[in-house]
Amino acid sequence: MEGRTVLITGASSGIGFESALSLAQQGAEIVMVGRDEQRTGLAAEQIRTRTGNSSVSYLLADLSSLKDVRRVAQDFKDQHNKLDVLLNNAGAVFLRRKVSIDGYEMTLALNHLNYFLLTSLLLDMIKAGPSGRVVNVASRAHYRGHVNFDDLQSQRGYNGMQVYGASKLMNVLFTYELARRLQGTKVTANCLHPGFVASNFAGNNGWFVRAVMSLMAGRISVQDGAKCSIYLASSPDVEGISGKYYNFDTKETRSSEESYDEAVAKRLWDVSEKLTAI
């Protein structure tokens, strides 16, 4: 990864941090995106110290805000002249319905529109490189997801886990449609399930949820959870491979049936363009 520039969202902790750490160890220039300046700054400093790689910086943004997504994309463009890998990692589950500053349901805003808009704004920079990669962290929760275009804002009978599953299906649909639109270029787009990771995921829903999550069996370490993100961002094994879904063990696998519906993917793309006003 020497000489390559990598932008990672949700990089101040969890699998985003571990991905940034590993790619910095491989010599990449890392730009981390986080919400909290103290946490993100400390994470960047820790990576610089542990790796000896001084080319680790950070940008601040609330990625549920379209204005912040636009600003962080512009900040990146102002400070860098190329982007080799975009790792869309930031996301969350909301057990109670919330709305973003733009008035959109929060899961949709953070987990999907963030990926869609940030990628769209930076795509020209990725295309300008010799072999750019877009890596989207999805989840096997997408198998239980369904895109309901009649209630995209989840205003009727809100169920946090169902909405989360739908947002992760959107990640897969977006990846496949992006890969189709990138045919003929040197840019690839792939997505992954990181595994059931022992991180602070879902911790935004309060102490009780954090306690329950900590007691659940079958969780893997954040280091193992980051392996597939790191693999798709850096491995020569996937050079030129695009439009695929990978499991946390870095094996390509089949995603849900709905994820292969090109009409749904095209409609989601069109709706996303309208919602983000891109």
C-alpha atoms as a PDB file:
ATOM      1  CA  MET A   1       0.000   0.000   0.000  1.00  0.00           C
ATOM      2  CA  GLU A   2       3.039   2.296  -0.228  1.00  0.00           C
ATOM      3  CA  GLY A   3       2.077   5.459  -2.078  1.00  0.00           C
ATOM      4  CA  ARG A   4      -1.666   4.817  -1.846  1.00  0.00           C
ATOM      5  CA  THR A   5      -4.183   7.098  -0.156  1.00  0.00           C
ATOM      6  CA  VAL A   6      -7.065   5.568   1.791  1.00  0.00           C
ATOM      7  CA  LEU A   7     -10.104   7.365   3.224  1.00  0.00           C
ATOM      8  CA  ILE A   8     -11.928   5.446   5.981  1.00  0.00           C
ATOM      9  CA  THR A   9     -15.173   6.536   7.621  1.00  0.00           C
ATOM     10  CA  GLY A  10     -16.096   5.542  11.157  1.00  0.00           C
ATOM     11  CA  ALA A  11     -12.389   5.135  11.816  1.00  0.00           C
ATOM     12  CA  SER A  12     -12.038   6.296  15.419  1.00  0.00           C
ATOM     13  CA  SER A  13     -12.915   2.884  16.900  1.00  0.00           C
ATOM     14  CA  GLY A  14     -13.949  -0.681  16.109  1.00  0.00           C
ATOM     15  CA  ILE A  15     -13.263  -2.257  12.750  1.00  0.00           C
ATOM     16  CA  GLY A  16     -12.716   1.145  11.152  1.00  0.00           C
ATOM     17  CA  PHE A  17      -9.815   1.805  13.517  1.00  0.00           C
ATOM     18  CA  GLU A  18      -8.371  -1.676  12.992  1.00  0.00           C
ATOM     19  CA  SER A  19      -8.603  -1.236   9.221  1.00  0.00           C
ATOM     20  CA  ALA A  20      -6.825   2.115   9.433  1.00  0.00           C
ATOM     21  CA  LEU A  21      -4.135   0.616  11.669  1.00  0.00           C
ATOM     22  CA  SER A  22      -3.430  -2.330   9.368  1.00  0.00           C
ATOM     23  CA  LEU A  23      -3.386  -0.270   6.176  1.00  0.00           C
ATOM     24  CA  ALA A  24      -1.089   2.283   7.828  1.00  0.00           C
ATOM     25  CA  GLN A  25       1.226  -0.584   8.773  1.00  0.00           C
ATOM     26  CA  GLN A  26       1.287  -1.497   5.082  1.00  0.00           C
ATOM     27  CA  GLY A  27       2.490   2.013   4.246  1.00  0.00           C
ATOM     28  CA  ALA A  28      -0.695   3.691   3.040  1.00  0.00           C
ATOM     29  CA  GLU A  29      -1.506   7.332   3.668  1.00  0.00           C
ATOM     30  CA  ILE A  30      -4.591   7.194   5.888  1.00  0.00           C
ATOM     31  CA  VAL A  31      -7.329   9.788   6.255  1.00  0.00           C
ATOM     32  CA  MET A  32      -9.727   8.895   9.050  1.00  0.00           C
ATOM     33  CA  VAL A  33     -13.229  10.326   9.365  1.00  0.00           C
ATOM     34  CA  GLY A  34     -14.876  10.536  12.773  1.00  0.00           C
ATOM     35  CA  ARG A  35     -17.473  12.558  14.641  1.00  0.00           C
ATOM     36  CA  ASP A  36     -15.665  13.387  17.878  1.00  0.00           C
ATOM     37  CA  GLU A  37     -12.466  15.416  17.593  1.00  0.00           C
ATOM     38  CA  GLN A  38     -10.857  14.112  20.782  1.00  0.00           C
ATOM     39  CA  ARG A  39     -11.536  10.446  20.046  1.00  0.00           C
ATOM     40  CA  THR A  40     -10.592  10.698  16.377  1.00  0.00           C
ATOM     41  CA  GLY A  41      -7.476  12.726  17.078  1.00  0.00           C
ATOM     42  CA  LEU A  42      -6.324  10.272  19.737  1.00  0.00           C
ATOM     43  CA  ALA A  43      -6.994   7.350  17.392  1.00  0.00           C
ATOM     44  CA  ALA A  44      -4.917   8.959  14.633  1.00  0.00           C
ATOM     45  CA  GLU A  45      -2.073   9.657  17.058  1.00  0.00           C
ATOM     46  CA  GLN A  46      -2.185   6.078  18.324  1.00  0.00           C
ATOM     47  CA  ILE A  47      -1.894   4.726  14.775  1.00  0.00           C
ATOM     48  CA  ARG A  48       1.010   7.048  13.986  1.00  0.00           C
ATOM     49  CA  THR A  49       2.796   5.901  17.152  1.00  0.00           C
ATOM     50  CA  ARG A  50       2.152   2.200  16.690  1.00  0.00           C
ATOM     51  CA  THR A  51       3.052   2.073  12.998  1.00  0.00           C
ATOM     52  CA  GLY A  52       5.702   4.755  12.657  1.00  0.00           C
ATOM     53  CA  ASN A  53       3.667   6.049   9.718  1.00  0.00           C
ATOM     54  CA  SER A  54       3.371   9.828   9.978  1.00  0.00           C
ATOM     55  CA  SER A  55       0.922  10.043   7.057  1.00  0.00           C
ATOM     56  CA  VAL A  56      -2.182   9.539   9.198  1.00  0.00           C
ATOM     57  CA  SER A  57      -4.632  12.427   9.447  1.00  0.00           C
ATOM     58  CA  TYR A  58      -8.307  12.900  10.193  1.00  0.00           C
ATOM     59  CA  LEU A  59     -11.387  14.840   9.180  1.00  0.00           C
ATOM     60  CA  LEU A  60     -14.450  15.502  11.308  1.00  0.00           C
ATOM     61  CA  ALA A  61     -18.036  15.003  10.181  1.00  0.00           C
ATOM     62  CA  ASP A  62     -21.456  13.848  11.274  1.00  0.00           C
ATOM     63  CA  LEU A  63     -22.075  11.607   8.297  1.00  0.00           C
ATOM     64  CA  SER A  64     -25.839  11.522   8.875  1.00  0.00           C
ATOM     65  CA  SER A  65     -25.799  15.157   7.713  1.00  0.00           C
ATOM     66  CA  LEU A  66     -25.670  15.711   3.956  1.00  0.00           C
ATOM     67  CA  LYS A  67     -24.007  19.073   4.550  1.00  0.00           C
ATOM     68  CA  ASP A  68     -21.251  17.405   6.579  1.00  0.00           C
ATOM     69  CA  VAL A  69     -20.761  14.706   3.947  1.00  0.00           C
ATOM     70  CA  ARG A  70     -20.333  17.396   1.316  1.00  0.00           C
ATOM     71  CA  ARG A  71     -17.953  19.343   3.526  1.00  0.00           C
ATOM     72  CA  VAL A  72     -15.752  16.352   4.357  1.00  0.00           C
ATOM     73  CA  ALA A  73     -15.553  15.464   0.659  1.00  0.00           C
ATOM     74  CA  GLN A  74     -14.488  19.020  -0.150  1.00  0.00           C
ATOM     75  CA  ASP A  75     -12.007  19.079   2.731  1.00  0.00           C
ATOM     76  CA  PHE A  76     -10.458  15.889   1.397  1.00  0.00           C
ATOM     77  CA  LYS A  77     -10.225  17.350  -2.115  1.00  0.00           C
ATOM     78  CA  ASP A  78      -8.618  20.514  -0.775  1.00  0.00           C
ATOM     79  CA  GLN A  79      -5.935  18.540   1.064  1.00  0.00           C
ATOM     80  CA  HIS A  80      -5.223  15.657  -1.332  1.00  0.00           C
ATOM     81  CA  ASN A  81      -4.741  15.183  -5.042  1.00  0.00           C
ATOM     82  CA  LYS A  82      -5.739  11.525  -5.281  1.00  0.00           C
ATOM     83  CA  LEU A  83      -7.768   8.775  -3.625  1.00  0.00           C
ATOM     84  CA  ASP A  84      -6.955   5.125  -4.167  1.00  0.00           C
ATOM     85  CA  VAL A  85      -9.348   3.462  -1.711  1.00  0.00           C
ATOM     86  CA  LEU A  86     -12.606   4.667  -0.193  1.00  0.00           C
ATOM     87  CA  LEU A  87     -13.694   2.451   2.698  1.00  0.00           C
ATOM     88  CA  ASN A  88     -17.288   3.277   3.649  1.00  0.00           C
ATOM     89  CA  ASN A  89     -17.500   1.859   7.147  1.00  0.00           C
ATOM     90  CA  ALA A  90     -19.506   4.281   9.324  1.00  0.00           C
ATOM     91  CA  GLY A  91     -22.947   3.020  10.335  1.00  0.00           C
ATOM     92  CA  ALA A  92     -25.263   2.309  13.234  1.00  0.00           C
ATOM     93  CA  VAL A  93     -28.520   0.710  14.314  1.00  0.00           C
ATOM     94  CA  PHE A  94     -31.250   2.815  15.924  1.00  0.00           C
ATOM     95  CA  LEU A  95     -33.769   0.874  17.978  1.00  0.00           C
ATOM     96  CA  ARG A  96     -36.014   3.932  18.209  1.00  0.00           C
ATOM     97  CA  ARG A  97     -36.873   6.004  15.172  1.00  0.00           C
ATOM     98  CA  LYS A  98     -34.868   9.202  14.836  1.00  0.00           C
ATOM     99  CA  VAL A  99     -34.519  11.733  12.057  1.00  0.00           C
ATOM    100  CA  SER A 100     -31.381  13.378  10.736  1.00  0.00           C
ATOM    101  CA  ILE A 101     -30.786  17.098  10.558  1.00  0.00           C
ATOM    102  CA  ASP A 102     -32.098  16.885   6.982  1.00  0.00           C
ATOM    103  CA  GLY A 103     -35.354  15.305   8.170  1.00  0.00           C
ATOM    104  CA  TYR A 104     -34.532  11.805   6.900  1.00  0.00           C
ATOM    105  CA  GLU A 105     -34.879   8.640   8.953  1.00  0.00           C
ATOM    106  CA  MET A 106     -31.522   8.292  10.676  1.00  0.00           C
ATOM    107  CA  THR A 107     -30.634   4.746   9.567  1.00  0.00           C
ATOM    108  CA  LEU A 108     -31.300   5.624   5.938  1.00  0.00           C
ATOM    109  CA  ALA A 109     -29.302   8.843   6.269  1.00  0.00           C
ATOM    110  CA  LEU A 110     -26.239   7.379   7.972  1.00  0.00           C
ATOM    111  CA  ASN A 111     -26.063   3.850   6.606  1.00  0.00           C
ATOM    112  CA  HIS A 112     -27.021   4.473   2.986  1.00  0.00           C
ATOM    113  CA  LEU A 113     -27.196   8.106   1.882  1.00  0.00           C
ATOM    114  CA  ASN A 114     -23.813   8.738   3.483  1.00  0.00           C
ATOM    115  CA  TYR A 115     -22.228   5.936   1.404  1.00  0.00           C
ATOM    116  CA  PHE A 116     -24.005   7.053  -1.749  1.00  0.00           C
ATOM    117  CA  LEU A 117     -23.203  10.756  -1.501  1.00  0.00           C
ATOM    118  CA  LEU A 118     -19.614  10.502  -0.289  1.00  0.00           C
ATOM    119  CA  THR A 119     -18.763   7.980  -3.004  1.00  0.00           C
ATOM    120  CA  SER A 120     -20.445  10.070  -5.678  1.00  0.00           C
ATOM    121  CA  LEU A 121     -18.583  13.222  -4.634  1.00  0.00           C
ATOM    122  CA  LEU A 122     -15.181  11.508  -4.591  1.00  0.00           C
ATOM    123  CA  LEU A 123     -15.594   9.202  -7.571  1.00  0.00           C
ATOM    124  CA  ASP A 124     -13.720  11.435  -9.992  1.00  0.00           C
ATOM    125  CA  MET A 125     -10.677  11.360  -7.705  1.00  0.00           C
ATOM    126  CA  ILE A 126     -10.880   7.574  -7.463  1.00  0.00           C
ATOM    127  CA  LYS A 127     -11.199   7.238 -11.237  1.00  0.00           C
ATOM    128  CA  ALA A 128      -8.131   9.406 -11.744  1.00  0.00           C
ATOM    129  CA  GLY A 129      -5.878   6.814 -10.101  1.00  0.00           C
ATOM    130  CA  PRO A 130      -4.396   3.684 -11.641  1.00  0.00           C
ATOM    131  CA  SER A 131      -6.719   1.187  -9.914  1.00  0.00           C
ATOM    132  CA  GLY A 132      -9.162   2.650  -7.431  1.00  0.00           C
ATOM    133  CA  ARG A 133     -11.314   0.669  -5.024  1.00  0.00           C
ATOM    134  CA  VAL A 134     -14.607   1.369  -3.252  1.00  0.00           C
ATOM    135  CA  VAL A 135     -15.243  -0.952  -0.311  1.00  0.00           C
ATOM    136  CA  ASN A 136     -18.632  -0.859   1.410  1.00  0.00           C
ATOM    137  CA  VAL A 137     -19.181  -2.470   4.799  1.00  0.00           C
ATOM    138  CA  ALA A 138     -22.616  -4.109   4.670  1.00  0.00           C
ATOM    139  CA  SER A 139     -23.901  -6.954   6.879  1.00  0.00           C
ATOM    140  CA  ARG A 140     -25.541 -10.339   6.607  1.00  0.00           C
ATOM    141  CA  ALA A 141     -28.507  -8.552   8.202  1.00  0.00           C
ATOM    142  CA  HIS A 142     -29.280  -7.587   4.602  1.00  0.00           C
ATOM    143  CA  TYR A 143     -30.672 -11.099   4.019  1.00  0.00           C
ATOM    144  CA  ARG A 144     -33.651 -10.084   6.189  1.00  0.00           C
ATOM    145  CA  GLY A 145     -33.900  -6.661   4.578  1.00  0.00           C
ATOM    146  CA  HIS A 146     -36.352  -5.337   2.019  1.00  0.00           C
ATOM    147  CA  VAL A 147     -36.453  -1.953   0.303  1.00  0.00           C
ATOM    148  CA  ASN A 148     -39.955  -0.550   0.753  1.00  0.00           C
ATOM    149  CA  PHE A 149     -40.097   2.398  -1.607  1.00  0.00           C
ATOM    150  CA  ASP A 150     -43.604   3.211  -0.332  1.00  0.00           C
ATOM    151  CA  ASP A 151     -42.206   3.826   3.163  1.00  0.00           C
ATOM    152  CA  LEU A 152     -38.525   4.580   2.652  1.00  0.00           C
ATOM    153  CA  GLN A 153     -38.502   6.815   5.730  1.00  0.00           C
ATOM    154  CA  SER A 154     -39.874   3.997   7.936  1.00  0.00           C
ATOM    155  CA  GLN A 155     -42.753   6.050   9.282  1.00  0.00           C
ATOM    156  CA  ARG A 156     -45.121   3.100   9.683  1.00  0.00           C
ATOM    157  CA  GLY A 157     -44.537   0.455  12.360  1.00  0.00           C
ATOM    158  CA  TYR A 158     -40.857   1.232  12.957  1.00  0.00           C
ATOM    159  CA  ASN A 159     -38.696  -1.787  13.813  1.00  0.00           C
ATOM    160  CA  GLY A 160     -35.040  -0.875  14.315  1.00  0.00           C
ATOM    161  CA  MET A 161     -33.550  -4.194  13.255  1.00  0.00           C
ATOM    162  CA  GLN A 162     -35.754  -4.451  10.166  1.00  0.00           C
ATOM    163  CA  VAL A 163     -34.794  -0.919   9.148  1.00  0.00           C
ATOM    164  CA  TYR A 164     -31.137  -1.743   9.767  1.00  0.00           C
ATOM    165  CA  GLY A 165     -31.437  -4.836   7.565  1.00  0.00           C
ATOM    166  CA  ALA A 166     -33.011  -2.740   4.820  1.00  0.00           C
ATOM    167  CA  SER A 167     -30.158  -0.219   5.009  1.00  0.00           C
ATOM    168  CA  LYS A 168     -27.586  -2.994   4.705  1.00  0.00           C
ATOM    169  CA  LEU A 169     -29.451  -4.359   1.677  1.00  0.00           C
ATOM    170  CA  MET A 170     -29.185  -0.853   0.231  1.00  0.00           C
ATOM    171  CA  ASN A 171     -25.407  -1.064   0.731  1.00  0.00           C
ATOM    172  CA  VAL A 172     -25.284  -4.231  -1.351  1.00  0.00           C
ATOM    173  CA  LEU A 173     -27.639  -2.909  -4.027  1.00  0.00           C
ATOM    174  CA  PHE A 174     -25.613   0.306  -4.224  1.00  0.00           C
ATOM    175  CA  THR A 175     -22.365  -1.652  -4.561  1.00  0.00           C
ATOM    176  CA  TYR A 176     -23.686  -3.780  -7.402  1.00  0.00           C
ATOM    177  CA  GLU A 177     -25.185  -0.827  -9.275  1.00  0.00           C
ATOM    178  CA  LEU A 178     -21.985   1.183  -8.790  1.00  0.00           C
ATOM    179  CA  ALA A 179     -19.939  -1.731 -10.139  1.00  0.00           C
ATOM    180  CA  ARG A 180     -22.162  -1.883 -13.220  1.00  0.00           C
ATOM    181  CA  ARG A 181     -21.735   1.855 -13.801  1.00  0.00           C
ATOM    182  CA  LEU A 182     -17.967   1.549 -13.365  1.00  0.00           C
ATOM    183  CA  GLN A 183     -17.568  -1.079 -16.074  1.00  0.00           C
ATOM    184  CA  GLY A 184     -14.890   0.044 -18.497  1.00  0.00           C
ATOM    185  CA  THR A 185     -12.995   1.954 -15.804  1.00  0.00           C
ATOM    186  CA  LYS A 186     -10.152   0.825 -13.533  1.00  0.00           C
ATOM    187  CA  VAL A 187     -12.270   1.286 -10.392  1.00  0.00           C
ATOM    188  CA  THR A 188     -13.829  -1.643  -8.545  1.00  0.00           C
ATOM    189  CA  ALA A 189     -16.636  -1.726  -5.983  1.00  0.00           C
ATOM    190  CA  ASN A 190     -17.210  -4.571  -3.530  1.00  0.00           C
ATOM    191  CA  CYS A 191     -19.017  -5.066  -0.230  1.00  0.00           C
ATOM    192  CA  LEU A 192     -18.725  -7.327   2.780  1.00  0.00           C
ATOM    193  CA  HIS A 193     -20.158  -8.771   5.953  1.00  0.00           C
ATOM    194  CA  PRO A 194     -17.635  -8.096   8.759  1.00  0.00           C
ATOM    195  CA  GLY A 195     -19.051 -10.711  11.134  1.00  0.00           C
ATOM    196  CA  PHE A 196     -20.729 -10.339  14.516  1.00  0.00           C
ATOM    197  CA  VAL A 197     -18.012  -8.176  16.023  1.00  0.00           C
ATOM    198  CA  ALA A 198     -17.271  -7.535  19.696  1.00  0.00           C
ATOM    199  CA  SER A 199     -17.242  -3.749  19.316  1.00  0.00           C
ATOM    200  CA  ASN A 200     -19.339  -0.886  20.644  1.00  0.00           C
ATOM    201  CA  PHE A 201     -21.807  -1.361  17.799  1.00  0.00           C
ATOM    202  CA  ALA A 202     -25.373  -0.547  18.935  1.00  0.00           C
ATOM    203  CA  GLY A 203     -23.938   1.170  22.018  1.00  0.00           C
ATOM    204  CA  ASN A 204     -25.687   4.364  20.963  1.00  0.00           C
ATOM    205  CA  ASN A 205     -28.942   2.767  22.159  1.00  0.00           C
ATOM    206  CA  GLY A 206     -28.096   2.943  25.862  1.00  0.00           C
ATOM    207  CA  TRP A 207     -26.435   0.982  28.657  1.00  0.00           C
ATOM    208  CA  PHE A 208     -28.906  -1.899  28.632  1.00  0.00           C
ATOM    209  CA  VAL A 209     -28.310  -2.667  24.962  1.00  0.00           C
ATOM    210  CA  ARG A 210     -24.545  -2.446  25.513  1.00  0.00           C
ATOM    211  CA  ALA A 211     -24.840  -4.917  28.404  1.00  0.00           C
ATOM    212  CA  VAL A 212     -26.950  -7.355  26.386  1.00  0.00           C
ATOM    213  CA  MET A 213     -24.593  -7.170  23.408  1.00  0.00           C
ATOM    214  CA  SER A 214     -21.601  -7.902  25.621  1.00  0.00           C
ATOM    215  CA  LEU A 215     -23.227 -11.121  26.835  1.00  0.00           C
ATOM    216  CA  MET A 216     -24.161 -12.474  23.409  1.00  0.00           C
ATOM    217  CA  ALA A 217     -22.216 -15.495  22.190  1.00  0.00           C
ATOM    218  CA  GLY A 218     -20.504 -15.916  18.837  1.00  0.00           C
ATOM    219  CA  ARG A 219     -18.887 -12.504  18.614  1.00  0.00           C
ATOM    220  CA  ILE A 220     -15.501 -12.199  16.951  1.00  0.00           C
ATOM    221  CA  SER A 221     -12.706  -9.757  17.763  1.00  0.00           C
ATOM    222  CA  VAL A 222     -12.511  -6.369  16.092  1.00  0.00           C
ATOM    223  CA  GLN A 223      -9.243  -7.514  14.520  1.00  0.00           C
ATOM    224  CA  ASP A 224     -11.018 -10.461  12.878  1.00  0.00           C
ATOM    225  CA  GLY A 225     -13.961  -8.223  11.982  1.00  0.00           C
ATOM    226  CA  ALA A 226     -11.659  -5.879  10.083  1.00  0.00           C
ATOM    227  CA  LYS A 227      -9.916  -8.608   8.066  1.00  0.00           C
ATOM    228  CA  CYS A 228     -12.247  -8.548   5.084  1.00  0.00           C
ATOM    229  CA  SER A 229     -12.272  -4.751   4.850  1.00  0.00           C
ATOM    230  CA  ILE A 230      -8.465  -4.793   4.850  1.00  0.00           C
ATOM    231  CA  TYR A 231      -8.419  -7.625   2.304  1.00  0.00           C
ATOM    232  CA  LEU A 232     -10.728  -5.839  -0.139  1.00  0.00           C
ATOM    233  CA  ALA A 233      -8.852  -2.571   0.291  1.00  0.00           C
ATOM    234  CA  SER A 234      -5.367  -3.956  -0.242  1.00  0.00           C
ATOM    235  CA  SER A 235      -5.084  -7.522  -1.510  1.00  0.00           C
ATOM    236  CA  PRO A 236      -3.770  -8.146  -5.032  1.00  0.00           C
ATOM    237  CA  ASP A 237      -6.070 -11.198  -5.074  1.00  0.00           C
ATOM    238  CA  VAL A 238      -9.086  -8.944  -5.767  1.00  0.00           C
ATOM    239  CA  GLU A 239      -7.415  -6.623  -8.265  1.00  0.00           C
ATOM    240  CA  GLY A 240      -9.930  -6.016 -11.050  1.00  0.00           C
ATOM    241  CA  ILE A 241     -12.731  -7.936  -9.302  1.00  0.00           C
ATOM    242  CA  SER A 242     -15.905  -5.885  -8.883  1.00  0.00           C
ATOM    243  CA  GLY A 243     -19.547  -6.186  -7.894  1.00  0.00           C
ATOM    244  CA  LYS A 244     -19.058  -8.960  -5.343  1.00  0.00           C
ATOM    245  CA  TYR A 245     -20.144  -9.678  -1.772  1.00  0.00           C
ATOM    246  CA  TYR A 246     -17.677 -11.207   0.684  1.00  0.00           C
ATOM    247  CA  ASN A 247     -18.007 -12.873   4.058  1.00  0.00           C
ATOM    248  CA  PHE A 248     -15.808 -11.932   7.028  1.00  0.00           C
ATOM    249  CA  ASP A 249     -13.535 -14.884   6.195  1.00  0.00           C
ATOM    250  CA  THR A 250     -12.661 -13.058   2.910  1.00  0.00           C
ATOM    251  CA  LYS A 251     -14.561 -15.636   0.843  1.00  0.00           C
ATOM    252  CA  GLU A 252     -16.856 -14.428  -1.909  1.00  0.00           C
ATOM    253  CA  THR A 253     -20.412 -15.549  -1.227  1.00  0.00           C
ATOM    254  CA  ARG A 254     -23.903 -15.042  -2.602  1.00  0.00           C
ATOM    255  CA  SER A 255     -25.974 -12.198  -1.221  1.00  0.00           C
ATOM    256  CA  SER A 256     -29.779 -12.125  -0.917  1.00  0.00           C
ATOM    257  CA  GLU A 257     -32.038 -12.647  -3.915  1.00  0.00           C
ATOM    258  CA  GLU A 258     -33.385  -9.073  -3.780  1.00  0.00           C
ATOM    259  CA  SER A 259     -29.842  -7.695  -3.910  1.00  0.00           C
ATOM    260  CA  TYR A 260     -29.506  -8.970  -7.496  1.00  0.00           C
ATOM    261  CA  ASP A 261     -32.667  -7.196  -8.702  1.00  0.00           C
ATOM    262  CA  GLU A 262     -31.276  -4.599 -11.091  1.00  0.00           C
ATOM    263  CA  ALA A 263     -34.593  -2.742 -11.314  1.00  0.00           C
ATOM    264  CA  VAL A 264     -34.607  -2.263  -7.536  1.00  0.00           C
ATOM    265  CA  ALA A 265     -30.967  -1.125  -7.596  1.00  0.00           C
ATOM    266  CA  LYS A 266     -31.648   1.371 -10.395  1.00  0.00           C
ATOM    267  CA  ARG A 267     -34.700   2.735  -8.610  1.00  0.00           C
ATOM    268  CA  LEU A 268     -32.750   3.058  -5.352  1.00  0.00           C
ATOM    269  CA  TRP A 269     -30.006   4.940  -7.209  1.00  0.00           C
ATOM    270  CA  ASP A 270     -32.525   7.354  -8.737  1.00  0.00           C
ATOM    271  CA  VAL A 271     -34.250   7.959  -5.381  1.00  0.00           C
ATOM    272  CA  SER A 272     -30.876   8.457  -3.676  1.00  0.00           C
ATOM    273  CA  GLU A 273     -29.902  11.066  -6.242  1.00  0.00           C
ATOM    274  CA  LYS A 274     -33.080  12.987  -5.460  1.00  0.00           C
ATOM    275  CA  LEU A 275     -32.694  12.688  -1.681  1.00  0.00           C
ATOM    276  CA  THR A 276     -29.093  13.886  -1.801  1.00  0.00           C
ATOM    277  CA  ALA A 277     -29.733  16.474  -4.533  1.00  0.00           C
ATOM    278  CA  ILE A 278     -26.605  15.359  -6.340  1.00  0.00           C
END
